[in-house]
Amino acid sequence: MANLTERIQLTREHRDLILKYGYVSGRLETSLRRWPKDQVIRRVGMTRVELQWLIGDLSHVCVKGKAGSDVEAVADLCDHLEYAQQTGDGDLDILW
């Protein structure tokens, strides 16, 4: 089994966007679909390759205009994932 070296905090909205526009399957898809309904934020583990592919999928959707009204949210998600990839910091910066 590949090492789940990337630990990314995601919101439920992020999860929905990934399932709608990302081409995820296998373990990652199962993890996202098993998200508890009462949990707003969750840390999801993935491999470096899964993270890179996910960023590529979501970026492609934005560039090709396939995200429709979700384009800004998908672009923000891409920024979060790219930052996590570059720095190793997958935490969300949320001010409560």
Protein backbone atom coordinates (compact mmCIF):
# COMPACT_ATOMS: atom_id res chain seq x y z
CA MET A 1 0.00 0.00 0.00
CA ALA A 2 1.28 3.46 -0.86
CA ASN A 3 2.16 5.83 1.96
CA LEU A 4 -0.52 8.38 2.74
CA THR A 5 2.05 11.12 3.25
CA GLU A 6 -0.27 14.04 2.53
CA ARG A 7 -2.71 15.00 5.30
CA ILE A 8 -5.12 17.65 4.04
CA GLN A 9 -7.90 19.35 5.99
CA LEU A 10 -11.02 19.67 3.87
CA THR A 11 -14.44 21.14 4.42
CA ARG A 12 -17.63 19.37 3.42
CA GLU A 13 -17.86 21.81 0.47
CA HIS A 14 -14.35 20.76 -0.62
CA ARG A 15 -15.42 17.13 -0.43
CA ASP A 16 -18.45 17.78 -2.61
CA LEU A 17 -16.36 19.65 -5.19
CA ILE A 18 -13.77 16.87 -5.30
CA LEU A 19 -16.42 14.21 -5.81
CA LYS A 20 -18.14 16.33 -8.48
CA TYR A 21 -15.09 17.49 -10.48
CA GLY A 22 -12.15 15.30 -9.46
CA TYR A 23 -11.52 11.86 -10.86
CA VAL A 24 -11.05 10.03 -7.57
CA SER A 25 -11.47 6.33 -7.03
CA GLY A 26 -10.51 3.53 -4.73
CA ARG A 27 -9.41 4.30 -1.20
CA LEU A 28 -9.62 8.10 -1.55
CA GLU A 29 -13.16 8.00 -2.95
CA THR A 30 -14.24 5.64 -0.17
CA SER A 31 -12.73 7.94 2.44
CA LEU A 32 -14.55 10.96 1.04
CA ARG A 33 -17.90 9.15 0.73
CA ARG A 34 -17.69 7.88 4.34
CA TRP A 35 -17.50 11.43 5.67
CA PRO A 36 -19.69 11.66 8.82
CA LYS A 37 -22.69 13.91 8.19
CA ASP A 38 -22.12 15.95 11.35
CA GLN A 39 -18.43 16.63 10.65
CA VAL A 40 -17.77 20.02 9.03
CA ILE A 41 -13.99 19.65 8.63
CA ARG A 42 -12.02 16.45 8.21
CA ARG A 43 -8.37 15.60 7.64
CA VAL A 44 -7.99 13.28 4.65
CA GLY A 45 -4.89 11.25 3.90
CA MET A 46 -3.66 10.74 0.36
CA THR A 47 -0.51 9.88 -1.51
CA ARG A 48 1.60 12.51 -3.23
CA VAL A 49 0.49 11.13 -6.57
CA GLU A 50 -3.20 11.32 -5.63
CA LEU A 51 -2.70 14.93 -4.52
CA GLN A 52 -0.89 15.85 -7.72
CA TRP A 53 -3.56 14.20 -9.90
CA LEU A 54 -6.36 15.85 -7.92
CA ILE A 55 -4.80 19.29 -8.38
CA GLY A 56 -4.45 18.57 -12.10
CA ASP A 57 -8.06 17.41 -12.43
CA LEU A 58 -9.48 20.42 -10.64
CA SER A 59 -7.22 22.89 -12.47
CA HIS A 60 -8.27 21.37 -15.80
CA VAL A 61 -11.94 21.82 -14.89
CA CYS A 62 -11.31 25.52 -14.14
CA VAL A 63 -9.27 26.19 -17.26
CA LYS A 64 -11.72 24.42 -19.57
CA GLY A 65 -14.71 26.24 -18.07
CA LYS A 66 -16.37 23.04 -16.88
CA ALA A 67 -16.88 24.20 -13.28
CA GLY A 68 -19.66 26.64 -14.16
CA SER A 69 -20.79 28.61 -11.13
CA ASP A 70 -18.40 26.60 -8.94
CA VAL A 71 -15.30 27.98 -10.68
CA GLU A 72 -14.28 30.29 -7.83
CA ALA A 73 -14.74 27.61 -5.17
CA VAL A 74 -12.81 25.06 -7.26
CA ALA A 75 -10.00 27.59 -7.84
CA ASP A 76 -9.82 28.26 -4.07
CA LEU A 77 -9.67 24.52 -3.42
CA CYS A 78 -6.85 24.20 -5.96
CA ASP A 79 -4.96 26.98 -4.17
CA HIS A 80 -5.36 25.16 -0.85
CA LEU A 81 -4.18 21.85 -2.32
CA GLU A 82 -1.23 23.44 -4.13
CA TYR A 83 -0.16 25.22 -0.94
CA ALA A 84 -0.33 21.93 0.96
CA GLN A 85 1.69 20.22 -1.77
CA GLN A 86 4.41 22.90 -1.75
CA THR A 87 4.70 23.44 2.01
CA GLY A 88 3.47 20.22 3.59
CA ASP A 89 0.92 22.28 5.56
CA GLY A 90 -2.54 20.94 4.76
CA ASP A 91 -4.32 22.83 7.54
CA LEU A 92 -7.11 25.24 6.73
CA ASP A 93 -6.62 28.84 7.80
CA ILE A 94 -10.05 29.54 9.23
CA LEU A 95 -10.70 32.41 11.60
CA TRP A 96 -13.60 31.71 13.91
